[in-house]
Amino acid sequence: MNFKQFGVLLSLSTILGMNVLTTKVLAEEPSITFGDALGSGGCSVADQLPGDDGRSLSIVLDNFSAFNGQRQKCILRVQTFIPSGFIVQDVQVLYQGTTDIDRGSRGTSLSRTYSFSGGALGQAVAPPKTSKFTSSKAFAEQDEITVLAATGLCSGGGQGLLGINMIAQSSRGSSIFVDTADINAGDVRLYFDLRRC
């Protein structure tokens, strides 16, 4: 083997070695696989984008708004697949949207409740939440949900379902959007904090 052939062989083994190391590092960081998010009631899911961190998901909602005294409900369901040996510790949910409120209006609100079932999701500990808006603006509201692990759950991950029930309420002369109509609005972002059993 001449020096040139040895150099090519060394380069290939270095590249393969780096790939193996990278794969090993990524394997140590648990990630969640998300199934299709489904919206019903007064909304639909326009798109969903998994995050690079393997624990987050952005869900773009379509048609979720309330105008001039309307009340609109959105039922969102997200399938999750938790890796074996891990359970969900906390979940963060970020809501983004816009409100448009005329002078003299009582404003708008966004209410939400949560439910978890199956897999390594455990039991959600979160009282119902309501955000009230009295001025026109783009908003970002974040909920922190503590998860109590069910007994015997650490036998290894599994499939679960996260449920979010939202109600957008407007008063006369106001509107609220949680959809793709505004560049600053349009999604619900989920982040799952995992811990090893």
N, C-alpha and C. Protein backbone atom coordinates (compact mmCIF):
# COMPACT_ATOMS: atom_id res chain seq x y z
N MET A 1 0.86 -1.18 0.00
CA MET A 1 0.00 0.00 0.00
C MET A 1 0.90 1.22 0.00
N ASN A 2 0.67 2.14 -0.96
CA ASN A 2 1.48 3.35 -0.99
C ASN A 2 0.89 4.41 -0.07
N PHE A 3 1.60 5.52 0.07
CA PHE A 3 1.21 6.58 1.00
C PHE A 3 -0.12 7.21 0.60
N LYS A 4 -0.37 7.35 -0.72
CA LYS A 4 -1.61 7.95 -1.21
C LYS A 4 -2.81 7.06 -0.84
N GLN A 5 -2.69 5.73 -1.04
CA GLN A 5 -3.77 4.82 -0.68
C GLN A 5 -4.03 4.83 0.82
N PHE A 6 -2.95 4.90 1.61
CA PHE A 6 -3.07 4.94 3.06
C PHE A 6 -3.82 6.21 3.51
N GLY A 7 -3.53 7.34 2.83
CA GLY A 7 -4.20 8.60 3.15
C GLY A 7 -5.69 8.54 2.88
N VAL A 8 -6.10 7.92 1.76
CA VAL A 8 -7.51 7.77 1.44
C VAL A 8 -8.19 6.86 2.47
N LEU A 9 -7.55 5.74 2.81
CA LEU A 9 -8.09 4.82 3.80
C LEU A 9 -8.24 5.51 5.15
N LEU A 10 -7.24 6.31 5.55
CA LEU A 10 -7.30 7.04 6.82
C LEU A 10 -8.45 8.03 6.81
N SER A 11 -8.63 8.73 5.68
CA SER A 11 -9.73 9.70 5.58
C SER A 11 -11.08 9.00 5.71
N LEU A 12 -11.26 7.87 5.03
CA LEU A 12 -12.52 7.14 5.12
C LEU A 12 -12.80 6.65 6.53
N SER A 13 -11.79 6.12 7.20
CA SER A 13 -12.01 5.62 8.55
C SER A 13 -12.29 6.77 9.51
N THR A 14 -11.70 7.93 9.28
CA THR A 14 -11.98 9.09 10.13
C THR A 14 -13.42 9.54 9.95
N ILE A 15 -13.89 9.58 8.69
CA ILE A 15 -15.28 9.98 8.42
C ILE A 15 -16.24 8.98 9.05
N LEU A 16 -16.01 7.70 8.86
CA LEU A 16 -16.87 6.68 9.45
C LEU A 16 -16.84 6.75 10.96
N GLY A 17 -15.64 6.95 11.53
CA GLY A 17 -15.51 7.07 12.98
C GLY A 17 -16.30 8.24 13.52
N MET A 18 -16.28 9.37 12.81
CA MET A 18 -17.04 10.54 13.24
C MET A 18 -18.53 10.26 13.17
N ASN A 19 -18.96 9.57 12.12
CA ASN A 19 -20.38 9.24 12.00
C ASN A 19 -20.83 8.34 13.14
N VAL A 20 -20.01 7.36 13.49
CA VAL A 20 -20.36 6.45 14.57
C VAL A 20 -20.43 7.22 15.89
N LEU A 21 -19.47 8.11 16.14
CA LEU A 21 -19.49 8.90 17.36
C LEU A 21 -20.72 9.79 17.42
N THR A 22 -21.03 10.43 16.30
CA THR A 22 -22.21 11.30 16.25
C THR A 22 -23.47 10.50 16.52
N THR A 23 -23.59 9.34 15.92
CA THR A 23 -24.76 8.49 16.13
C THR A 23 -24.85 8.07 17.59
N LYS A 24 -23.72 7.76 18.21
CA LYS A 24 -23.71 7.33 19.60
C LYS A 24 -24.17 8.47 20.52
N VAL A 25 -23.68 9.69 20.25
CA VAL A 25 -24.08 10.84 21.07
C VAL A 25 -25.58 11.09 20.92
N LEU A 26 -26.09 11.03 19.67
CA LEU A 26 -27.52 11.25 19.46
C LEU A 26 -28.37 10.17 20.13
N ALA A 27 -27.85 8.95 20.14
CA ALA A 27 -28.60 7.85 20.74
C ALA A 27 -28.77 8.04 22.25
N GLU A 28 -27.83 8.77 22.89
CA GLU A 28 -27.92 8.99 24.33
C GLU A 28 -28.97 10.05 24.68
N GLU A 29 -29.30 10.92 23.73
CA GLU A 29 -30.33 11.93 23.94
C GLU A 29 -31.66 11.34 23.52
N PRO A 30 -32.58 11.09 24.45
CA PRO A 30 -33.86 10.50 24.07
C PRO A 30 -34.69 11.47 23.24
N SER A 31 -35.42 10.93 22.29
CA SER A 31 -36.30 11.79 21.51
C SER A 31 -37.68 11.13 21.44
N ILE A 32 -38.66 11.94 21.12
CA ILE A 32 -40.05 11.50 21.05
C ILE A 32 -40.45 11.45 19.58
N THR A 33 -41.20 10.43 19.21
CA THR A 33 -41.77 10.37 17.88
C THR A 33 -43.22 10.83 17.99
N PHE A 34 -43.58 11.79 17.15
CA PHE A 34 -44.95 12.32 17.17
C PHE A 34 -45.74 11.76 16.00
N GLY A 35 -46.97 11.33 16.29
CA GLY A 35 -47.89 10.93 15.23
C GLY A 35 -48.59 12.17 14.71
N ASP A 36 -49.59 11.97 13.87
CA ASP A 36 -50.33 13.10 13.31
C ASP A 36 -51.13 13.80 14.40
N ALA A 37 -51.02 15.13 14.44
CA ALA A 37 -51.86 15.94 15.32
C ALA A 37 -53.20 16.13 14.62
N LEU A 38 -54.29 16.02 15.38
CA LEU A 38 -55.62 16.16 14.82
C LEU A 38 -56.37 17.28 15.53
N GLY A 39 -57.01 18.14 14.76
CA GLY A 39 -57.83 19.20 15.32
C GLY A 39 -59.28 19.00 14.93
N SER A 40 -60.18 19.28 15.85
CA SER A 40 -61.61 19.17 15.55
C SER A 40 -62.35 20.25 16.31
N GLY A 41 -63.64 20.31 16.12
CA GLY A 41 -64.42 21.39 16.73
C GLY A 41 -64.35 22.58 15.80
N GLY A 42 -63.71 23.64 16.23
CA GLY A 42 -63.61 24.85 15.42
C GLY A 42 -62.23 25.09 14.86
N CYS A 43 -61.43 24.05 14.65
CA CYS A 43 -60.08 24.25 14.10
C CYS A 43 -59.64 23.01 13.32
N SER A 44 -58.61 23.20 12.54
CA SER A 44 -57.97 22.08 11.86
C SER A 44 -56.47 22.31 11.89
N VAL A 45 -55.71 21.23 11.73
CA VAL A 45 -54.25 21.33 11.74
C VAL A 45 -53.79 21.54 10.30
N ALA A 46 -53.13 22.69 10.06
CA ALA A 46 -52.64 23.00 8.72
C ALA A 46 -51.29 22.33 8.48
N ASP A 47 -50.46 22.21 9.53
CA ASP A 47 -49.14 21.63 9.39
C ASP A 47 -48.59 21.31 10.77
N GLN A 48 -47.61 20.42 10.81
CA GLN A 48 -46.90 20.16 12.06
C GLN A 48 -45.43 19.97 11.73
N LEU A 49 -44.58 20.57 12.56
CA LEU A 49 -43.15 20.57 12.32
C LEU A 49 -42.42 20.09 13.57
N PRO A 50 -41.80 18.88 13.51
CA PRO A 50 -41.04 18.41 14.67
C PRO A 50 -39.76 19.23 14.82
N GLY A 51 -39.38 19.51 16.07
CA GLY A 51 -38.18 20.28 16.34
C GLY A 51 -36.92 19.44 16.18
N ASP A 52 -35.79 20.13 15.99
CA ASP A 52 -34.51 19.45 15.85
C ASP A 52 -34.07 18.75 17.13
N ASP A 53 -34.63 19.17 18.27
CA ASP A 53 -34.22 18.59 19.56
C ASP A 53 -34.84 17.22 19.83
N GLY A 54 -35.79 16.80 19.02
CA GLY A 54 -36.43 15.50 19.21
C GLY A 54 -37.43 15.46 20.35
N ARG A 55 -37.74 16.61 20.93
CA ARG A 55 -38.70 16.66 22.04
C ARG A 55 -39.76 17.73 21.87
N SER A 56 -39.76 18.39 20.73
CA SER A 56 -40.72 19.48 20.54
C SER A 56 -41.44 19.33 19.21
N LEU A 57 -42.60 19.96 19.15
CA LEU A 57 -43.44 19.90 17.96
C LEU A 57 -44.19 21.22 17.84
N SER A 58 -44.15 21.83 16.66
CA SER A 58 -44.95 23.02 16.38
C SER A 58 -46.16 22.59 15.55
N ILE A 59 -47.32 23.02 15.98
CA ILE A 59 -48.57 22.68 15.28
C ILE A 59 -49.19 23.97 14.78
N VAL A 60 -49.34 24.07 13.47
CA VAL A 60 -49.93 25.26 12.86
C VAL A 60 -51.43 25.01 12.73
N LEU A 61 -52.22 25.87 13.36
CA LEU A 61 -53.68 25.73 13.34
C LEU A 61 -54.29 26.56 12.22
N ASP A 62 -55.39 26.07 11.69
CA ASP A 62 -56.12 26.77 10.65
C ASP A 62 -57.55 26.98 11.14
N ASN A 63 -58.11 28.13 10.85
CA ASN A 63 -59.52 28.44 11.14
C ASN A 63 -59.85 28.49 12.63
N PHE A 64 -58.88 28.77 13.49
CA PHE A 64 -59.20 28.88 14.90
C PHE A 64 -59.22 30.36 15.28
N SER A 65 -60.42 30.93 15.29
CA SER A 65 -60.59 32.35 15.58
C SER A 65 -62.01 32.60 16.07
N ALA A 66 -62.20 33.75 16.71
CA ALA A 66 -63.54 34.15 17.17
C ALA A 66 -63.68 35.66 16.95
N PHE A 67 -64.79 36.07 16.35
CA PHE A 67 -65.03 37.46 16.01
C PHE A 67 -66.29 37.99 16.68
N ASN A 68 -66.23 39.23 17.15
CA ASN A 68 -67.40 40.02 17.52
C ASN A 68 -68.44 39.26 18.35
N GLY A 69 -67.99 38.72 19.49
CA GLY A 69 -68.91 38.03 20.39
C GLY A 69 -68.99 36.52 20.20
N GLN A 70 -68.24 35.97 19.24
CA GLN A 70 -68.25 34.53 19.01
C GLN A 70 -67.45 33.78 20.07
N ARG A 71 -67.77 32.51 20.17
CA ARG A 71 -67.02 31.58 21.03
C ARG A 71 -66.68 30.38 20.16
N GLN A 72 -65.40 30.05 20.05
CA GLN A 72 -64.97 28.95 19.20
C GLN A 72 -64.15 27.94 20.00
N LYS A 73 -64.45 26.66 19.79
CA LYS A 73 -63.75 25.60 20.51
C LYS A 73 -62.82 24.86 19.56
N CYS A 74 -61.66 24.44 20.07
CA CYS A 74 -60.72 23.63 19.30
C CYS A 74 -60.28 22.46 20.17
N ILE A 75 -60.44 21.26 19.65
CA ILE A 75 -60.00 20.05 20.36
C ILE A 75 -58.80 19.51 19.60
N LEU A 76 -57.66 19.51 20.26
CA LEU A 76 -56.41 19.09 19.64
C LEU A 76 -55.93 17.81 20.30
N ARG A 77 -55.57 16.81 19.49
CA ARG A 77 -55.04 15.53 20.00
C ARG A 77 -53.73 15.23 19.30
N VAL A 78 -52.72 14.85 20.10
CA VAL A 78 -51.39 14.57 19.55
C VAL A 78 -50.91 13.21 20.05
N GLN A 79 -50.64 12.30 19.11
CA GLN A 79 -50.06 10.99 19.45
C GLN A 79 -48.58 11.16 19.78
N THR A 80 -48.13 10.50 20.84
CA THR A 80 -46.71 10.54 21.20
C THR A 80 -46.20 9.11 21.39
N PHE A 81 -44.94 8.91 21.07
CA PHE A 81 -44.27 7.62 21.28
C PHE A 81 -43.01 7.90 22.09
N ILE A 82 -43.05 7.56 23.38
CA ILE A 82 -41.95 7.83 24.31
C ILE A 82 -40.97 6.65 24.25
N PRO A 83 -39.64 6.93 24.20
CA PRO A 83 -38.68 5.83 24.13
C PRO A 83 -38.67 4.98 25.40
N SER A 84 -38.32 3.73 25.25
CA SER A 84 -38.26 2.79 26.36
C SER A 84 -37.28 3.29 27.41
N GLY A 85 -37.65 3.14 28.68
CA GLY A 85 -36.79 3.56 29.78
C GLY A 85 -36.91 5.01 30.17
N PHE A 86 -37.84 5.76 29.56
CA PHE A 86 -38.03 7.18 29.87
C PHE A 86 -39.49 7.47 30.17
N ILE A 87 -39.72 8.48 30.99
CA ILE A 87 -41.06 8.98 31.25
C ILE A 87 -41.06 10.50 31.07
N VAL A 88 -42.22 11.05 30.82
CA VAL A 88 -42.36 12.50 30.67
C VAL A 88 -42.41 13.11 32.06
N GLN A 89 -41.61 14.16 32.27
CA GLN A 89 -41.57 14.83 33.56
C GLN A 89 -42.42 16.09 33.54
N ASP A 90 -42.25 16.91 32.52
CA ASP A 90 -43.01 18.15 32.37
C ASP A 90 -43.29 18.38 30.90
N VAL A 91 -44.34 19.15 30.63
CA VAL A 91 -44.67 19.54 29.26
C VAL A 91 -44.87 21.05 29.26
N GLN A 92 -44.29 21.72 28.28
CA GLN A 92 -44.48 23.15 28.10
C GLN A 92 -45.25 23.36 26.80
N VAL A 93 -46.26 24.21 26.84
CA VAL A 93 -47.06 24.49 25.65
C VAL A 93 -47.08 26.00 25.46
N LEU A 94 -46.67 26.45 24.27
CA LEU A 94 -46.65 27.86 23.93
C LEU A 94 -47.71 28.14 22.88
N TYR A 95 -48.57 29.12 23.15
CA TYR A 95 -49.62 29.52 22.22
C TYR A 95 -49.25 30.89 21.66
N GLN A 96 -49.41 31.05 20.34
CA GLN A 96 -49.16 32.34 19.71
C GLN A 96 -50.36 32.73 18.88
N GLY A 97 -50.63 34.01 18.84
CA GLY A 97 -51.77 34.50 18.07
C GLY A 97 -51.84 36.01 18.12
N THR A 98 -52.96 36.55 17.70
CA THR A 98 -53.17 38.01 17.72
C THR A 98 -54.58 38.32 18.21
N THR A 99 -54.72 39.49 18.77
CA THR A 99 -56.04 40.00 19.14
C THR A 99 -56.22 41.38 18.52
N ASP A 100 -57.43 41.69 18.17
CA ASP A 100 -57.78 43.01 17.63
C ASP A 100 -58.99 43.49 18.43
N ILE A 101 -58.79 44.55 19.18
CA ILE A 101 -59.82 44.99 20.12
C ILE A 101 -60.13 46.48 19.91
N ASP A 102 -61.39 46.77 19.62
CA ASP A 102 -61.85 48.15 19.46
C ASP A 102 -62.01 48.81 20.83
N ARG A 103 -61.95 50.14 20.84
CA ARG A 103 -62.17 50.88 22.08
C ARG A 103 -63.59 50.62 22.59
N GLY A 104 -63.73 50.36 23.86
CA GLY A 104 -65.04 50.08 24.45
C GLY A 104 -65.37 48.60 24.51
N SER A 105 -64.57 47.77 23.84
CA SER A 105 -64.81 46.33 23.87
C SER A 105 -64.25 45.74 25.17
N ARG A 106 -64.84 44.65 25.63
CA ARG A 106 -64.36 43.98 26.84
C ARG A 106 -63.17 43.05 26.56
N GLY A 107 -62.80 42.88 25.28
CA GLY A 107 -61.62 42.11 24.94
C GLY A 107 -61.89 40.66 24.57
N THR A 108 -60.85 39.85 24.65
CA THR A 108 -60.92 38.45 24.24
C THR A 108 -60.25 37.58 25.31
N SER A 109 -60.42 36.27 25.14
CA SER A 109 -59.74 35.33 26.05
C SER A 109 -59.44 34.03 25.33
N LEU A 110 -58.44 33.32 25.83
CA LEU A 110 -58.08 31.99 25.35
C LEU A 110 -58.00 31.08 26.56
N SER A 111 -58.89 30.09 26.64
CA SER A 111 -58.92 29.13 27.76
C SER A 111 -58.43 27.78 27.26
N ARG A 112 -57.78 27.01 28.16
CA ARG A 112 -57.31 25.68 27.77
C ARG A 112 -57.25 24.74 28.96
N THR A 113 -57.53 23.46 28.66
CA THR A 113 -57.41 22.37 29.63
C THR A 113 -56.64 21.25 28.95
N TYR A 114 -56.07 20.37 29.78
CA TYR A 114 -55.19 19.31 29.26
C TYR A 114 -55.61 17.94 29.79
N SER A 115 -55.33 16.91 28.97
CA SER A 115 -55.51 15.54 29.42
C SER A 115 -54.43 14.67 28.78
N PHE A 116 -53.90 13.74 29.55
CA PHE A 116 -52.90 12.78 29.06
C PHE A 116 -53.47 11.39 29.22
N SER A 117 -53.14 10.50 28.30
CA SER A 117 -53.55 9.11 28.48
C SER A 117 -52.55 8.19 27.79
N GLY A 118 -52.27 7.08 28.45
CA GLY A 118 -51.44 6.03 27.88
C GLY A 118 -49.97 6.34 27.86
N GLY A 119 -49.20 5.33 27.43
CA GLY A 119 -47.76 5.47 27.27
C GLY A 119 -47.08 5.92 28.54
N ALA A 120 -46.04 6.69 28.40
CA ALA A 120 -45.25 7.17 29.53
C ALA A 120 -45.64 8.60 29.88
N LEU A 121 -46.88 8.99 29.57
CA LEU A 121 -47.29 10.37 29.82
C LEU A 121 -47.69 10.60 31.27
N GLY A 122 -48.18 9.61 31.98
CA GLY A 122 -48.58 9.82 33.36
C GLY A 122 -49.83 10.67 33.45
N GLN A 123 -49.99 11.39 34.56
CA GLN A 123 -51.18 12.21 34.82
C GLN A 123 -50.79 13.68 34.81
N ALA A 124 -51.49 14.47 34.00
CA ALA A 124 -51.23 15.91 33.95
C ALA A 124 -51.74 16.58 35.20
N VAL A 125 -50.91 17.47 35.75
CA VAL A 125 -51.33 18.27 36.90
C VAL A 125 -51.35 19.73 36.43
N ALA A 126 -52.50 20.17 35.96
CA ALA A 126 -52.62 21.54 35.47
C ALA A 126 -54.06 21.97 35.60
N PRO A 127 -54.32 22.99 36.39
CA PRO A 127 -55.69 23.50 36.46
C PRO A 127 -56.03 24.18 35.13
N PRO A 128 -57.31 24.36 34.83
CA PRO A 128 -57.67 25.09 33.61
C PRO A 128 -57.01 26.46 33.61
N LYS A 129 -56.58 26.91 32.44
CA LYS A 129 -55.89 28.20 32.30
C LYS A 129 -56.68 29.10 31.38
N THR A 130 -56.72 30.39 31.71
CA THR A 130 -57.37 31.37 30.85
C THR A 130 -56.51 32.62 30.79
N SER A 131 -56.25 33.08 29.57
CA SER A 131 -55.53 34.35 29.35
C SER A 131 -56.53 35.34 28.79
N LYS A 132 -56.56 36.54 29.38
CA LYS A 132 -57.47 37.59 28.92
C LYS A 132 -56.67 38.70 28.27
N PHE A 133 -57.21 39.23 27.17
CA PHE A 133 -56.53 40.29 26.42
C PHE A 133 -57.47 41.48 26.28
N THR A 134 -56.98 42.66 26.65
CA THR A 134 -57.81 43.87 26.60
C THR A 134 -57.27 44.92 25.63
N SER A 135 -56.20 44.56 24.90
CA SER A 135 -55.67 45.49 23.89
C SER A 135 -55.23 44.69 22.67
N SER A 136 -55.18 45.38 21.52
CA SER A 136 -54.76 44.74 20.28
C SER A 136 -53.27 44.45 20.35
N LYS A 137 -52.89 43.19 20.07
CA LYS A 137 -51.47 42.83 20.12
C LYS A 137 -51.26 41.41 19.62
N ALA A 138 -50.00 41.09 19.34
CA ALA A 138 -49.60 39.70 19.12
C ALA A 138 -49.31 39.14 20.50
N PHE A 139 -49.72 37.90 20.77
CA PHE A 139 -49.49 37.35 22.10
C PHE A 139 -48.73 36.03 22.02
N ALA A 140 -48.08 35.71 23.12
CA ALA A 140 -47.41 34.42 23.31
C ALA A 140 -47.66 34.03 24.76
N GLU A 141 -48.42 32.97 24.97
CA GLU A 141 -48.77 32.48 26.30
C GLU A 141 -48.19 31.09 26.49
N GLN A 142 -47.42 30.89 27.57
CA GLN A 142 -46.82 29.58 27.80
C GLN A 142 -47.37 28.95 29.07
N ASP A 143 -47.76 27.66 28.95
CA ASP A 143 -48.23 26.88 30.09
C ASP A 143 -47.16 25.85 30.46
N GLU A 144 -46.94 25.69 31.75
CA GLU A 144 -46.03 24.67 32.27
C GLU A 144 -46.90 23.61 32.95
N ILE A 145 -46.82 22.36 32.48
CA ILE A 145 -47.65 21.30 33.02
C ILE A 145 -46.75 20.27 33.69
N THR A 146 -46.97 20.07 34.98
CA THR A 146 -46.24 19.04 35.72
C THR A 146 -46.92 17.70 35.47
N VAL A 147 -46.11 16.65 35.33
CA VAL A 147 -46.66 15.33 35.05
C VAL A 147 -46.31 14.40 36.21
N LEU A 148 -47.32 13.77 36.79
CA LEU A 148 -47.10 12.78 37.83
C LEU A 148 -47.05 11.41 37.18
N ALA A 149 -45.94 10.71 37.37
CA ALA A 149 -45.77 9.39 36.75
C ALA A 149 -46.69 8.38 37.41
N ALA A 150 -47.32 7.57 36.61
CA ALA A 150 -48.16 6.49 37.14
C ALA A 150 -47.26 5.37 37.65
N THR A 151 -47.72 4.63 38.65
CA THR A 151 -46.92 3.54 39.19
C THR A 151 -46.74 2.46 38.13
N GLY A 152 -45.54 1.90 38.09
CA GLY A 152 -45.23 0.85 37.13
C GLY A 152 -45.00 1.35 35.72
N LEU A 153 -44.98 2.68 35.55
CA LEU A 153 -44.85 3.26 34.22
C LEU A 153 -43.45 3.08 33.65
N CYS A 154 -42.46 2.92 34.52
CA CYS A 154 -41.08 2.86 34.06
C CYS A 154 -40.71 1.53 33.42
N SER A 155 -41.66 0.68 33.17
CA SER A 155 -41.35 -0.56 32.48
C SER A 155 -40.92 -0.27 31.05
N GLY A 156 -41.16 0.93 30.59
CA GLY A 156 -40.59 1.30 29.31
C GLY A 156 -41.49 2.02 28.35
N GLY A 157 -41.40 3.34 28.31
CA GLY A 157 -41.99 4.17 27.29
C GLY A 157 -43.36 3.75 26.81
N GLY A 158 -43.62 4.03 25.55
CA GLY A 158 -44.86 3.61 24.95
C GLY A 158 -45.61 4.73 24.26
N GLN A 159 -46.76 4.37 23.73
CA GLN A 159 -47.59 5.31 22.99
C GLN A 159 -48.55 6.01 23.95
N GLY A 160 -48.74 7.30 23.76
CA GLY A 160 -49.66 8.07 24.58
C GLY A 160 -50.40 9.10 23.75
N LEU A 161 -51.35 9.77 24.36
CA LEU A 161 -52.14 10.78 23.67
C LEU A 161 -52.25 12.02 24.55
N LEU A 162 -51.81 13.14 24.00
CA LEU A 162 -51.94 14.43 24.68
C LEU A 162 -53.18 15.11 24.12
N GLY A 163 -54.08 15.53 25.01
CA GLY A 163 -55.28 16.24 24.61
C GLY A 163 -55.26 17.67 25.10
N ILE A 164 -55.57 18.60 24.22
CA ILE A 164 -55.67 20.02 24.58
C ILE A 164 -57.03 20.51 24.10
N ASN A 165 -57.81 21.04 25.02
CA ASN A 165 -59.11 21.64 24.68
C ASN A 165 -58.97 23.14 24.84
N MET A 166 -59.23 23.89 23.76
CA MET A 166 -59.08 25.34 23.79
C MET A 166 -60.40 26.01 23.44
N ILE A 167 -60.64 27.16 24.07
CA ILE A 167 -61.81 27.97 23.74
C ILE A 167 -61.34 29.40 23.52
N ALA A 168 -61.60 29.92 22.32
CA ALA A 168 -61.33 31.33 22.00
C ALA A 168 -62.65 32.08 22.13
N GLN A 169 -62.65 33.13 22.94
CA GLN A 169 -63.87 33.91 23.21
C GLN A 169 -63.60 35.37 22.86
N SER A 170 -64.55 35.98 22.14
CA SER A 170 -64.43 37.41 21.84
C SER A 170 -65.69 38.13 22.32
N SER A 171 -65.55 39.39 22.61
CA SER A 171 -66.71 40.21 22.96
C SER A 171 -67.02 41.11 21.76
N ARG A 172 -68.10 41.87 21.84
CA ARG A 172 -68.44 42.76 20.73
C ARG A 172 -67.28 43.72 20.45
N GLY A 173 -66.96 43.84 19.16
CA GLY A 173 -65.89 44.76 18.76
C GLY A 173 -64.49 44.19 18.94
N SER A 174 -64.37 42.88 19.08
CA SER A 174 -63.04 42.29 19.26
C SER A 174 -62.92 40.98 18.47
N SER A 175 -61.70 40.56 18.26
CA SER A 175 -61.45 39.27 17.61
C SER A 175 -60.15 38.69 18.14
N ILE A 176 -60.05 37.36 18.08
CA ILE A 176 -58.84 36.66 18.50
C ILE A 176 -58.53 35.60 17.44
N PHE A 177 -57.26 35.48 17.08
CA PHE A 177 -56.81 34.51 16.09
C PHE A 177 -55.71 33.64 16.69
N VAL A 178 -55.84 32.35 16.54
CA VAL A 178 -54.73 31.43 16.80
C VAL A 178 -54.66 30.59 15.53
N ASP A 179 -54.05 31.17 14.49
CA ASP A 179 -54.02 30.50 13.19
C ASP A 179 -52.86 30.99 12.35
N THR A 180 -52.92 30.79 11.06
CA THR A 180 -51.82 31.16 10.17
C THR A 180 -52.02 32.52 9.52
N ALA A 181 -52.97 33.30 9.99
CA ALA A 181 -53.28 34.57 9.33
C ALA A 181 -52.20 35.62 9.55
N ASP A 182 -51.45 35.52 10.61
CA ASP A 182 -50.47 36.55 10.94
C ASP A 182 -49.09 35.91 11.04
N ILE A 183 -48.07 36.61 10.56
CA ILE A 183 -46.74 36.03 10.57
C ILE A 183 -46.22 35.82 12.00
N ASN A 184 -46.75 36.60 12.95
CA ASN A 184 -46.35 36.43 14.35
C ASN A 184 -47.21 35.40 15.08
N ALA A 185 -48.17 34.86 14.38
CA ALA A 185 -49.11 33.95 15.02
C ALA A 185 -49.04 32.60 14.34
N GLY A 186 -49.91 31.72 14.75
CA GLY A 186 -50.10 30.55 13.94
C GLY A 186 -49.75 29.23 14.55
N ASP A 187 -49.17 29.16 15.75
CA ASP A 187 -48.90 27.80 16.16
C ASP A 187 -48.99 27.57 17.65
N VAL A 188 -49.06 26.32 17.95
CA VAL A 188 -49.01 25.82 19.32
C VAL A 188 -47.74 25.00 19.37
N ARG A 189 -46.83 25.33 20.27
CA ARG A 189 -45.57 24.60 20.35
C ARG A 189 -45.54 23.75 21.61
N LEU A 190 -45.21 22.49 21.44
CA LEU A 190 -45.13 21.55 22.57
C LEU A 190 -43.68 21.21 22.83
N TYR A 191 -43.30 21.14 24.10
CA TYR A 191 -41.96 20.66 24.47
C TYR A 191 -42.11 19.67 25.63
N PHE A 192 -41.55 18.49 25.48
CA PHE A 192 -41.63 17.43 26.48
C PHE A 192 -40.28 17.28 27.16
N ASP A 193 -40.26 17.33 28.47
CA ASP A 193 -39.05 17.11 29.26
C ASP A 193 -39.06 15.65 29.73
N LEU A 194 -38.09 14.88 29.24
CA LEU A 194 -38.02 13.46 29.60
C LEU A 194 -37.00 13.23 30.69
N ARG A 195 -37.22 12.20 31.50
CA ARG A 195 -36.19 11.78 32.44
C ARG A 195 -36.12 10.26 32.44
N ARG A 196 -34.92 9.77 32.73
CA ARG A 196 -34.70 8.33 32.74
C ARG A 196 -35.37 7.72 33.97
N CYS A 197 -35.91 6.53 33.81
CA CYS A 197 -36.58 5.83 34.92
C CYS A 197 -35.54 5.40 35.94
